[in-house]
Amino acid sequence: MWIAPALVLLAVAGHVGATDWSAWDPDRIALMLLLGVCVGVAEELATRGIAVRMLRGAGHPERFVMVVSSALFALMHVVNLLSGMEPSTVLLTVVYTFAFGTCMYLSMLVTGTIWTAIVLHALTDPTTFLASGGVDEAVTGQSGGWSLLAASATILMIVFAPVAVFLVRDDRPKAPGD
């Protein structure tokens, strides 16, 4: 299951390499990174922290916990419809965020700590925005190998997520406090 954090790190590396750094001033980069940390902490605590703990506490099998917490994470992004985002774009976002949520869950599972998911998430959002030119902006980043790496890793995450559902074992040993 280490493939999950590896795919996320490949996408982050692709985003960093594809970013047109000359288009960004240091203050905006710092702001993007700070916002990435805030979003990463908030979303991971809600879905991989509170939701996972509640689902495990209710005695649900690990596979169920992964699917439901990832679906919750994906559904949190349906609110993008309220900002006027095209429904087809929101649907693609929901598919991607389910896959990303699955990778965050597996990252937490293989490392034994939510901090891995928080850090990976905190790196993913700002590097994605920086590489694509911003939030809801036209893509201004570099094309070529780095963009291809990020896109390939993202596609592999989407393909891997449904496969991971069948790979997760339901006999996870209980950790203290579970």
N, C-alpha and C. Protein backbone atom coordinates (compact mmCIF):
# COMPACT_ATOMS: atom_id res chain seq x y z
N MET A 1 0.80 -1.21 0.00
CA MET A 1 0.00 0.00 0.00
C MET A 1 0.84 1.27 0.00
N TRP A 2 2.15 1.11 0.06
CA TRP A 2 3.04 2.27 0.00
C TRP A 2 2.96 2.99 -1.34
N ILE A 3 2.29 2.35 -2.30
CA ILE A 3 2.12 3.01 -3.59
C ILE A 3 1.31 4.30 -3.44
N ALA A 4 0.41 4.34 -2.48
CA ALA A 4 -0.44 5.53 -2.31
C ALA A 4 0.38 6.79 -2.00
N PRO A 5 1.19 6.79 -0.93
CA PRO A 5 1.98 8.01 -0.70
C PRO A 5 3.01 8.25 -1.80
N ALA A 6 3.50 7.19 -2.44
CA ALA A 6 4.46 7.36 -3.54
C ALA A 6 3.81 8.09 -4.71
N LEU A 7 2.58 7.72 -5.05
CA LEU A 7 1.88 8.39 -6.15
C LEU A 7 1.64 9.86 -5.84
N VAL A 8 1.27 10.14 -4.59
CA VAL A 8 1.02 11.53 -4.19
C VAL A 8 2.32 12.33 -4.29
N LEU A 9 3.41 11.75 -3.82
CA LEU A 9 4.70 12.46 -3.89
C LEU A 9 5.15 12.66 -5.34
N LEU A 10 4.87 11.71 -6.21
CA LEU A 10 5.19 11.89 -7.64
C LEU A 10 4.39 13.05 -8.23
N ALA A 11 3.11 13.13 -7.88
CA ALA A 11 2.29 14.25 -8.38
C ALA A 11 2.82 15.58 -7.86
N VAL A 12 3.17 15.62 -6.57
CA VAL A 12 3.73 16.85 -5.99
C VAL A 12 5.03 17.24 -6.71
N ALA A 13 5.90 16.26 -6.92
CA ALA A 13 7.16 16.54 -7.63
C ALA A 13 6.89 17.07 -9.03
N GLY A 14 5.92 16.47 -9.71
CA GLY A 14 5.54 16.95 -11.04
C GLY A 14 5.02 18.38 -11.01
N HIS A 15 4.22 18.69 -10.00
CA HIS A 15 3.70 20.06 -9.87
C HIS A 15 4.82 21.05 -9.60
N VAL A 16 5.74 20.68 -8.73
CA VAL A 16 6.86 21.58 -8.41
C VAL A 16 7.69 21.83 -9.67
N GLY A 17 7.97 20.77 -10.41
CA GLY A 17 8.76 20.91 -11.62
C GLY A 17 8.04 21.66 -12.73
N ALA A 18 6.72 21.56 -12.77
CA ALA A 18 5.94 22.21 -13.83
C ALA A 18 5.57 23.65 -13.53
N THR A 19 5.82 24.09 -12.31
CA THR A 19 5.43 25.45 -11.92
C THR A 19 6.31 26.50 -12.60
N ASP A 20 5.66 27.51 -13.13
CA ASP A 20 6.38 28.67 -13.69
C ASP A 20 6.65 29.60 -12.50
N TRP A 21 7.76 29.39 -11.83
CA TRP A 21 8.07 30.12 -10.60
C TRP A 21 8.22 31.62 -10.84
N SER A 22 8.56 32.01 -12.06
CA SER A 22 8.70 33.44 -12.34
C SER A 22 7.35 34.17 -12.35
N ALA A 23 6.26 33.41 -12.44
CA ALA A 23 4.93 34.01 -12.44
C ALA A 23 4.42 34.29 -11.03
N TRP A 24 5.17 33.87 -10.03
CA TRP A 24 4.72 33.99 -8.64
C TRP A 24 5.71 34.82 -7.83
N ASP A 25 5.19 35.74 -7.02
CA ASP A 25 6.09 36.45 -6.12
C ASP A 25 6.17 35.67 -4.81
N PRO A 26 7.24 35.83 -4.04
CA PRO A 26 7.44 35.04 -2.83
C PRO A 26 6.30 35.14 -1.82
N ASP A 27 5.67 36.31 -1.72
CA ASP A 27 4.55 36.45 -0.78
C ASP A 27 3.37 35.57 -1.17
N ARG A 28 3.07 35.50 -2.45
CA ARG A 28 1.95 34.66 -2.91
C ARG A 28 2.29 33.18 -2.75
N ILE A 29 3.54 32.81 -2.98
CA ILE A 29 3.95 31.42 -2.76
C ILE A 29 3.78 31.06 -1.28
N ALA A 30 4.25 31.94 -0.40
CA ALA A 30 4.11 31.69 1.05
C ALA A 30 2.64 31.59 1.44
N LEU A 31 1.80 32.45 0.88
CA LEU A 31 0.37 32.41 1.17
C LEU A 31 -0.24 31.09 0.71
N MET A 32 0.12 30.65 -0.49
CA MET A 32 -0.38 29.37 -1.01
C MET A 32 0.03 28.21 -0.09
N LEU A 33 1.29 28.23 0.35
CA LEU A 33 1.77 27.17 1.24
C LEU A 33 1.03 27.20 2.57
N LEU A 34 0.82 28.38 3.12
CA LEU A 34 0.09 28.51 4.38
C LEU A 34 -1.35 28.02 4.24
N LEU A 35 -2.00 28.41 3.16
CA LEU A 35 -3.36 27.95 2.93
C LEU A 35 -3.40 26.43 2.74
N GLY A 36 -2.38 25.90 2.07
CA GLY A 36 -2.30 24.45 1.90
C GLY A 36 -2.21 23.72 3.23
N VAL A 37 -1.44 24.27 4.15
CA VAL A 37 -1.33 23.67 5.48
C VAL A 37 -2.69 23.73 6.19
N CYS A 38 -3.34 24.89 6.12
CA CYS A 38 -4.65 25.04 6.80
C CYS A 38 -5.68 24.06 6.24
N VAL A 39 -5.76 23.97 4.92
CA VAL A 39 -6.72 23.06 4.29
C VAL A 39 -6.35 21.61 4.59
N GLY A 40 -5.07 21.29 4.48
CA GLY A 40 -4.63 19.92 4.76
C GLY A 40 -4.97 19.49 6.18
N VAL A 41 -4.71 20.35 7.14
CA VAL A 41 -5.02 20.02 8.53
C VAL A 41 -6.53 19.87 8.72
N ALA A 42 -7.30 20.84 8.24
CA ALA A 42 -8.75 20.81 8.46
C ALA A 42 -9.42 19.61 7.80
N GLU A 43 -9.12 19.39 6.53
CA GLU A 43 -9.79 18.30 5.82
C GLU A 43 -9.34 16.93 6.31
N GLU A 44 -8.08 16.78 6.63
CA GLU A 44 -7.61 15.48 7.13
C GLU A 44 -8.13 15.20 8.53
N LEU A 45 -8.17 16.20 9.39
CA LEU A 45 -8.72 15.97 10.73
C LEU A 45 -10.20 15.59 10.64
N ALA A 46 -10.93 16.20 9.72
CA ALA A 46 -12.35 15.88 9.58
C ALA A 46 -12.57 14.48 9.03
N THR A 47 -11.82 14.12 7.98
CA THR A 47 -12.11 12.86 7.30
C THR A 47 -11.25 11.69 7.74
N ARG A 48 -9.96 11.90 7.93
CA ARG A 48 -9.09 10.81 8.38
C ARG A 48 -8.96 10.81 9.89
N GLY A 49 -9.30 11.88 10.54
CA GLY A 49 -9.24 11.95 11.99
C GLY A 49 -10.57 11.57 12.61
N ILE A 50 -11.50 12.48 12.61
CA ILE A 50 -12.79 12.28 13.28
C ILE A 50 -13.60 11.16 12.64
N ALA A 51 -13.79 11.21 11.32
CA ALA A 51 -14.63 10.21 10.65
C ALA A 51 -14.06 8.80 10.80
N VAL A 52 -12.76 8.64 10.58
CA VAL A 52 -12.15 7.31 10.69
C VAL A 52 -12.29 6.79 12.12
N ARG A 53 -12.01 7.64 13.06
CA ARG A 53 -12.11 7.21 14.47
C ARG A 53 -13.54 6.79 14.83
N MET A 54 -14.52 7.56 14.36
CA MET A 54 -15.92 7.22 14.64
C MET A 54 -16.31 5.90 13.96
N LEU A 55 -15.91 5.74 12.72
CA LEU A 55 -16.27 4.52 11.99
C LEU A 55 -15.59 3.30 12.59
N ARG A 56 -14.32 3.43 12.94
CA ARG A 56 -13.64 2.31 13.58
C ARG A 56 -14.25 2.03 14.95
N GLY A 57 -14.56 3.10 15.67
CA GLY A 57 -15.17 2.94 17.00
C GLY A 57 -16.51 2.24 16.94
N ALA A 58 -17.22 2.40 15.83
CA ALA A 58 -18.51 1.74 15.65
C ALA A 58 -18.33 0.29 15.20
N GLY A 59 -17.08 -0.15 15.04
CA GLY A 59 -16.80 -1.54 14.71
C GLY A 59 -16.83 -1.88 13.23
N HIS A 60 -16.82 -0.88 12.38
CA HIS A 60 -16.86 -1.15 10.94
C HIS A 60 -15.52 -1.72 10.45
N PRO A 61 -15.57 -2.60 9.46
CA PRO A 61 -14.32 -3.15 8.90
C PRO A 61 -13.51 -2.06 8.19
N GLU A 62 -12.23 -2.29 8.10
CA GLU A 62 -11.30 -1.29 7.56
C GLU A 62 -11.65 -0.87 6.14
N ARG A 63 -12.06 -1.79 5.32
CA ARG A 63 -12.44 -1.47 3.93
C ARG A 63 -13.59 -0.47 3.92
N PHE A 64 -14.58 -0.69 4.76
CA PHE A 64 -15.72 0.20 4.88
C PHE A 64 -15.27 1.58 5.35
N VAL A 65 -14.38 1.60 6.34
CA VAL A 65 -13.87 2.87 6.88
C VAL A 65 -13.16 3.65 5.78
N MET A 66 -12.35 2.98 4.98
CA MET A 66 -11.63 3.65 3.90
C MET A 66 -12.60 4.24 2.88
N VAL A 67 -13.56 3.45 2.44
CA VAL A 67 -14.50 3.90 1.41
C VAL A 67 -15.36 5.06 1.92
N VAL A 68 -15.89 4.93 3.11
CA VAL A 68 -16.78 5.98 3.63
C VAL A 68 -16.01 7.27 3.91
N SER A 69 -14.83 7.17 4.51
CA SER A 69 -14.07 8.40 4.79
C SER A 69 -13.61 9.06 3.49
N SER A 70 -13.28 8.28 2.49
CA SER A 70 -12.89 8.84 1.19
C SER A 70 -14.09 9.44 0.47
N ALA A 71 -15.24 8.78 0.58
CA ALA A 71 -16.47 9.33 -0.03
C ALA A 71 -16.87 10.63 0.66
N LEU A 72 -16.74 10.68 1.97
CA LEU A 72 -17.03 11.92 2.71
C LEU A 72 -16.13 13.04 2.22
N PHE A 73 -14.84 12.75 2.08
CA PHE A 73 -13.89 13.74 1.58
C PHE A 73 -14.30 14.21 0.18
N ALA A 74 -14.67 13.28 -0.68
CA ALA A 74 -15.07 13.64 -2.04
C ALA A 74 -16.34 14.50 -2.03
N LEU A 75 -17.31 14.10 -1.23
CA LEU A 75 -18.57 14.84 -1.18
C LEU A 75 -18.40 16.25 -0.62
N MET A 76 -17.37 16.46 0.21
CA MET A 76 -17.10 17.81 0.71
C MET A 76 -16.80 18.78 -0.43
N HIS A 77 -16.42 18.25 -1.58
CA HIS A 77 -16.05 19.10 -2.71
C HIS A 77 -17.21 19.38 -3.66
N VAL A 78 -18.38 18.80 -3.38
CA VAL A 78 -19.57 19.09 -4.18
C VAL A 78 -19.99 20.55 -3.98
N VAL A 79 -19.62 21.13 -2.85
CA VAL A 79 -19.94 22.53 -2.57
C VAL A 79 -19.38 23.47 -3.64
N ASN A 80 -18.42 22.99 -4.43
CA ASN A 80 -17.88 23.81 -5.53
C ASN A 80 -18.96 24.22 -6.52
N LEU A 81 -20.07 23.49 -6.54
CA LEU A 81 -21.20 23.88 -7.40
C LEU A 81 -21.71 25.27 -7.03
N LEU A 82 -21.67 25.59 -5.75
CA LEU A 82 -22.17 26.88 -5.28
C LEU A 82 -21.34 28.05 -5.77
N SER A 83 -20.09 27.78 -6.15
CA SER A 83 -19.23 28.85 -6.67
C SER A 83 -19.41 29.05 -8.17
N GLY A 84 -20.31 28.27 -8.76
CA GLY A 84 -20.56 28.40 -10.19
C GLY A 84 -19.73 27.47 -11.05
N MET A 85 -19.00 26.57 -10.42
CA MET A 85 -18.19 25.62 -11.19
C MET A 85 -19.12 24.72 -12.00
N GLU A 86 -18.70 24.42 -13.20
CA GLU A 86 -19.48 23.55 -14.08
C GLU A 86 -19.72 22.19 -13.41
N PRO A 87 -20.93 21.64 -13.50
CA PRO A 87 -21.21 20.33 -12.90
C PRO A 87 -20.26 19.23 -13.37
N SER A 88 -19.87 19.26 -14.64
CA SER A 88 -18.94 18.23 -15.14
C SER A 88 -17.57 18.36 -14.46
N THR A 89 -17.14 19.59 -14.20
CA THR A 89 -15.87 19.81 -13.50
C THR A 89 -15.98 19.34 -12.06
N VAL A 90 -17.12 19.59 -11.44
CA VAL A 90 -17.33 19.14 -10.06
C VAL A 90 -17.33 17.62 -10.01
N LEU A 91 -17.94 16.97 -10.98
CA LEU A 91 -17.95 15.51 -11.02
C LEU A 91 -16.53 14.97 -11.12
N LEU A 92 -15.72 15.55 -12.00
CA LEU A 92 -14.32 15.12 -12.12
C LEU A 92 -13.56 15.38 -10.82
N THR A 93 -13.87 16.49 -10.17
CA THR A 93 -13.24 16.81 -8.88
C THR A 93 -13.61 15.78 -7.84
N VAL A 94 -14.87 15.37 -7.81
CA VAL A 94 -15.32 14.36 -6.85
C VAL A 94 -14.63 13.02 -7.10
N VAL A 95 -14.49 12.64 -8.35
CA VAL A 95 -13.79 11.39 -8.68
C VAL A 95 -12.33 11.48 -8.21
N TYR A 96 -11.68 12.59 -8.55
CA TYR A 96 -10.29 12.77 -8.13
C TYR A 96 -10.16 12.79 -6.61
N THR A 97 -11.04 13.53 -5.93
CA THR A 97 -10.90 13.65 -4.48
C THR A 97 -11.22 12.34 -3.77
N PHE A 98 -12.06 11.49 -4.35
CA PHE A 98 -12.24 10.16 -3.76
C PHE A 98 -10.94 9.38 -3.86
N ALA A 99 -10.31 9.43 -5.02
CA ALA A 99 -9.04 8.72 -5.21
C ALA A 99 -7.96 9.30 -4.29
N PHE A 100 -7.89 10.62 -4.23
CA PHE A 100 -6.90 11.27 -3.36
C PHE A 100 -7.19 10.92 -1.90
N GLY A 101 -8.46 10.92 -1.52
CA GLY A 101 -8.83 10.55 -0.15
C GLY A 101 -8.42 9.12 0.18
N THR A 102 -8.57 8.24 -0.79
CA THR A 102 -8.13 6.85 -0.60
C THR A 102 -6.62 6.81 -0.38
N CYS A 103 -5.88 7.58 -1.16
CA CYS A 103 -4.42 7.63 -0.98
C CYS A 103 -4.05 8.22 0.39
N MET A 104 -4.79 9.22 0.84
CA MET A 104 -4.51 9.80 2.15
C MET A 104 -4.80 8.78 3.25
N TYR A 105 -5.90 8.05 3.10
CA TYR A 105 -6.24 7.01 4.07
C TYR A 105 -5.15 5.94 4.12
N LEU A 106 -4.71 5.48 2.95
CA LEU A 106 -3.68 4.45 2.90
C LEU A 106 -2.36 4.96 3.43
N SER A 107 -2.06 6.24 3.18
CA SER A 107 -0.83 6.84 3.73
C SER A 107 -0.87 6.81 5.25
N MET A 108 -2.03 7.12 5.80
CA MET A 108 -2.20 7.07 7.25
C MET A 108 -2.09 5.62 7.75
N LEU A 109 -2.68 4.71 7.02
CA LEU A 109 -2.69 3.30 7.43
C LEU A 109 -1.28 2.71 7.44
N VAL A 110 -0.50 2.97 6.38
CA VAL A 110 0.83 2.34 6.29
C VAL A 110 1.85 2.98 7.23
N THR A 111 1.67 4.25 7.55
CA THR A 111 2.63 4.91 8.44
C THR A 111 2.17 4.90 9.90
N GLY A 112 0.89 4.65 10.12
CA GLY A 112 0.37 4.60 11.49
C GLY A 112 0.11 5.96 12.10
N THR A 113 0.13 7.02 11.28
CA THR A 113 -0.12 8.35 11.82
C THR A 113 -0.87 9.22 10.81
N ILE A 114 -1.75 10.04 11.30
CA ILE A 114 -2.50 10.96 10.45
C ILE A 114 -1.60 12.07 9.91
N TRP A 115 -0.48 12.30 10.57
CA TRP A 115 0.42 13.38 10.15
C TRP A 115 0.94 13.18 8.74
N THR A 116 1.10 11.95 8.31
CA THR A 116 1.54 11.69 6.94
C THR A 116 0.52 12.23 5.95
N ALA A 117 -0.75 11.92 6.20
CA ALA A 117 -1.81 12.41 5.32
C ALA A 117 -1.89 13.93 5.36
N ILE A 118 -1.73 14.51 6.53
CA ILE A 118 -1.78 15.97 6.65
C ILE A 118 -0.66 16.62 5.84
N VAL A 119 0.55 16.11 5.97
CA VAL A 119 1.69 16.69 5.26
C VAL A 119 1.53 16.51 3.75
N LEU A 120 1.15 15.32 3.31
CA LEU A 120 0.96 15.08 1.88
C LEU A 120 -0.13 15.98 1.31
N HIS A 121 -1.21 16.13 2.05
CA HIS A 121 -2.31 16.99 1.61
C HIS A 121 -1.85 18.45 1.57
N ALA A 122 -1.11 18.85 2.60
CA ALA A 122 -0.62 20.23 2.68
C ALA A 122 0.38 20.55 1.57
N LEU A 123 1.01 19.56 1.02
CA LEU A 123 1.92 19.75 -0.12
C LEU A 123 1.16 19.71 -1.46
N THR A 124 0.14 18.90 -1.52
CA THR A 124 -0.58 18.69 -2.79
C THR A 124 -1.34 19.92 -3.24
N ASP A 125 -2.16 20.49 -2.36
CA ASP A 125 -3.00 21.61 -2.79
C ASP A 125 -2.20 22.80 -3.29
N PRO A 126 -1.24 23.31 -2.52
CA PRO A 126 -0.53 24.49 -3.03
C PRO A 126 0.32 24.20 -4.27
N THR A 127 0.92 23.03 -4.35
CA THR A 127 1.73 22.75 -5.55
C THR A 127 0.84 22.60 -6.77
N THR A 128 -0.37 22.08 -6.59
CA THR A 128 -1.32 21.98 -7.70
C THR A 128 -1.71 23.38 -8.17
N PHE A 129 -2.05 24.25 -7.22
CA PHE A 129 -2.45 25.62 -7.58
C PHE A 129 -1.30 26.39 -8.23
N LEU A 130 -0.11 26.23 -7.69
CA LEU A 130 1.05 26.93 -8.25
C LEU A 130 1.35 26.45 -9.67
N ALA A 131 1.24 25.15 -9.88
CA ALA A 131 1.55 24.60 -11.22
C ALA A 131 0.48 24.96 -12.24
N SER A 132 -0.76 25.10 -11.78
CA SER A 132 -1.85 25.37 -12.73
C SER A 132 -2.13 26.85 -12.91
N GLY A 133 -1.45 27.69 -12.17
CA GLY A 133 -1.64 29.13 -12.33
C GLY A 133 -2.54 29.74 -11.28
N GLY A 134 -3.05 28.96 -10.36
CA GLY A 134 -3.88 29.49 -9.28
C GLY A 134 -5.18 28.73 -9.15
N VAL A 135 -6.01 29.20 -8.25
CA VAL A 135 -7.31 28.59 -8.02
C VAL A 135 -8.26 29.14 -9.08
N ASP A 136 -8.88 28.27 -9.83
CA ASP A 136 -9.83 28.65 -10.88
C ASP A 136 -9.22 29.60 -11.90
N GLU A 137 -7.96 29.38 -12.24
CA GLU A 137 -7.26 30.21 -13.22
C GLU A 137 -6.86 29.34 -14.40
N ALA A 138 -6.54 29.98 -15.49
CA ALA A 138 -6.03 29.26 -16.65
C ALA A 138 -4.65 28.70 -16.32
N VAL A 139 -4.33 27.59 -16.90
CA VAL A 139 -3.05 26.96 -16.64
C VAL A 139 -1.93 27.82 -17.23
N THR A 140 -0.95 28.15 -16.36
CA THR A 140 0.18 28.95 -16.83
C THR A 140 1.50 28.23 -16.58
N GLY A 141 1.44 27.06 -16.00
CA GLY A 141 2.66 26.32 -15.67
C GLY A 141 3.33 25.77 -16.91
N GLN A 142 4.47 25.16 -16.69
CA GLN A 142 5.25 24.57 -17.77
C GLN A 142 4.56 23.30 -18.27
N SER A 143 4.73 23.01 -19.52
CA SER A 143 4.24 21.74 -20.05
C SER A 143 5.44 20.83 -20.23
N GLY A 144 5.19 19.62 -20.59
CA GLY A 144 6.29 18.71 -20.84
C GLY A 144 6.39 17.64 -19.77
N GLY A 145 7.63 17.22 -19.52
CA GLY A 145 7.88 16.08 -18.65
C GLY A 145 7.31 16.20 -17.25
N TRP A 146 7.48 17.36 -16.62
CA TRP A 146 6.99 17.50 -15.25
C TRP A 146 5.47 17.44 -15.19
N SER A 147 4.82 18.11 -16.12
CA SER A 147 3.36 18.06 -16.17
C SER A 147 2.87 16.64 -16.46
N LEU A 148 3.59 15.96 -17.32
CA LEU A 148 3.25 14.59 -17.65
C LEU A 148 3.39 13.69 -16.42
N LEU A 149 4.44 13.92 -15.63
CA LEU A 149 4.62 13.16 -14.39
C LEU A 149 3.45 13.39 -13.44
N ALA A 150 3.07 14.65 -13.24
CA ALA A 150 1.95 14.97 -12.34
C ALA A 150 0.65 14.36 -12.85
N ALA A 151 0.39 14.50 -14.14
CA ALA A 151 -0.84 13.96 -14.72
C ALA A 151 -0.87 12.43 -14.63
N SER A 152 0.26 11.81 -14.93
CA SER A 152 0.33 10.34 -14.87
C SER A 152 0.10 9.83 -13.46
N ALA A 153 0.72 10.49 -12.47
CA ALA A 153 0.53 10.08 -11.07
C ALA A 153 -0.93 10.25 -10.66
N THR A 154 -1.55 11.33 -11.12
CA THR A 154 -2.95 11.58 -10.79
C THR A 154 -3.85 10.52 -11.42
N ILE A 155 -3.61 10.19 -12.66
CA ILE A 155 -4.40 9.14 -13.32
C ILE A 155 -4.19 7.81 -12.61
N LEU A 156 -2.96 7.51 -12.23
CA LEU A 156 -2.70 6.26 -11.51
C LEU A 156 -3.42 6.23 -10.16
N MET A 157 -3.51 7.38 -9.49
CA MET A 157 -4.27 7.44 -8.23
C MET A 157 -5.73 7.07 -8.48
N ILE A 158 -6.30 7.62 -9.55
CA ILE A 158 -7.71 7.37 -9.87
C ILE A 158 -7.92 5.90 -10.22
N VAL A 159 -6.98 5.30 -10.92
CA VAL A 159 -7.08 3.87 -11.26
C VAL A 159 -6.85 3.01 -10.03
N PHE A 160 -5.90 3.42 -9.19
CA PHE A 160 -5.52 2.62 -8.02
C PHE A 160 -6.61 2.60 -6.95
N ALA A 161 -7.35 3.67 -6.77
CA ALA A 161 -8.33 3.76 -5.68
C ALA A 161 -9.33 2.60 -5.65
N PRO A 162 -10.01 2.29 -6.76
CA PRO A 162 -10.94 1.16 -6.68
C PRO A 162 -10.25 -0.18 -6.47
N VAL A 163 -9.03 -0.30 -6.95
CA VAL A 163 -8.26 -1.53 -6.73
C VAL A 163 -7.92 -1.66 -5.25
N ALA A 164 -7.55 -0.54 -4.64
CA ALA A 164 -7.18 -0.54 -3.23
C ALA A 164 -8.31 -1.01 -2.33
N VAL A 165 -9.54 -0.75 -2.75
CA VAL A 165 -10.70 -1.20 -1.97
C VAL A 165 -10.62 -2.71 -1.73
N PHE A 166 -10.14 -3.43 -2.72
CA PHE A 166 -10.08 -4.88 -2.60
C PHE A 166 -8.78 -5.36 -1.95
N LEU A 167 -7.82 -4.48 -1.81
CA LEU A 167 -6.53 -4.85 -1.23
C LEU A 167 -6.46 -4.59 0.28
N VAL A 168 -7.32 -3.71 0.77
CA VAL A 168 -7.29 -3.38 2.20
C VAL A 168 -7.84 -4.55 2.99
N ARG A 169 -7.07 -4.93 4.00
CA ARG A 169 -7.48 -6.03 4.86
C ARG A 169 -8.39 -5.51 5.96
N ASP A 170 -9.38 -6.30 6.30
CA ASP A 170 -10.32 -5.90 7.34
C ASP A 170 -9.89 -6.33 8.74
N ASP A 171 -8.72 -6.93 8.86
CA ASP A 171 -8.29 -7.45 10.16
C ASP A 171 -7.18 -6.59 10.77
N ARG A 172 -7.26 -5.28 10.58
CA ARG A 172 -6.26 -4.37 11.14
C ARG A 172 -6.22 -4.51 12.65
N PRO A 173 -5.04 -4.66 13.21
CA PRO A 173 -4.96 -4.73 14.67
C PRO A 173 -5.41 -3.40 15.28
N LYS A 174 -6.07 -3.49 16.39
CA LYS A 174 -6.55 -2.29 17.06
C LYS A 174 -5.39 -1.54 17.70
N ALA A 175 -5.31 -0.26 17.42
CA ALA A 175 -4.31 0.59 18.04
C ALA A 175 -4.88 1.15 19.34
N PRO A 176 -4.02 1.56 20.25
CA PRO A 176 -4.53 2.16 21.48
C PRO A 176 -5.42 3.36 21.16
N GLY A 177 -6.55 3.41 21.78
CA GLY A 177 -7.48 4.51 21.57
C GLY A 177 -8.47 4.28 20.45
N ASP A 178 -8.31 3.19 19.68
CA ASP A 178 -9.27 2.89 18.61
C ASP A 178 -10.54 2.32 19.19
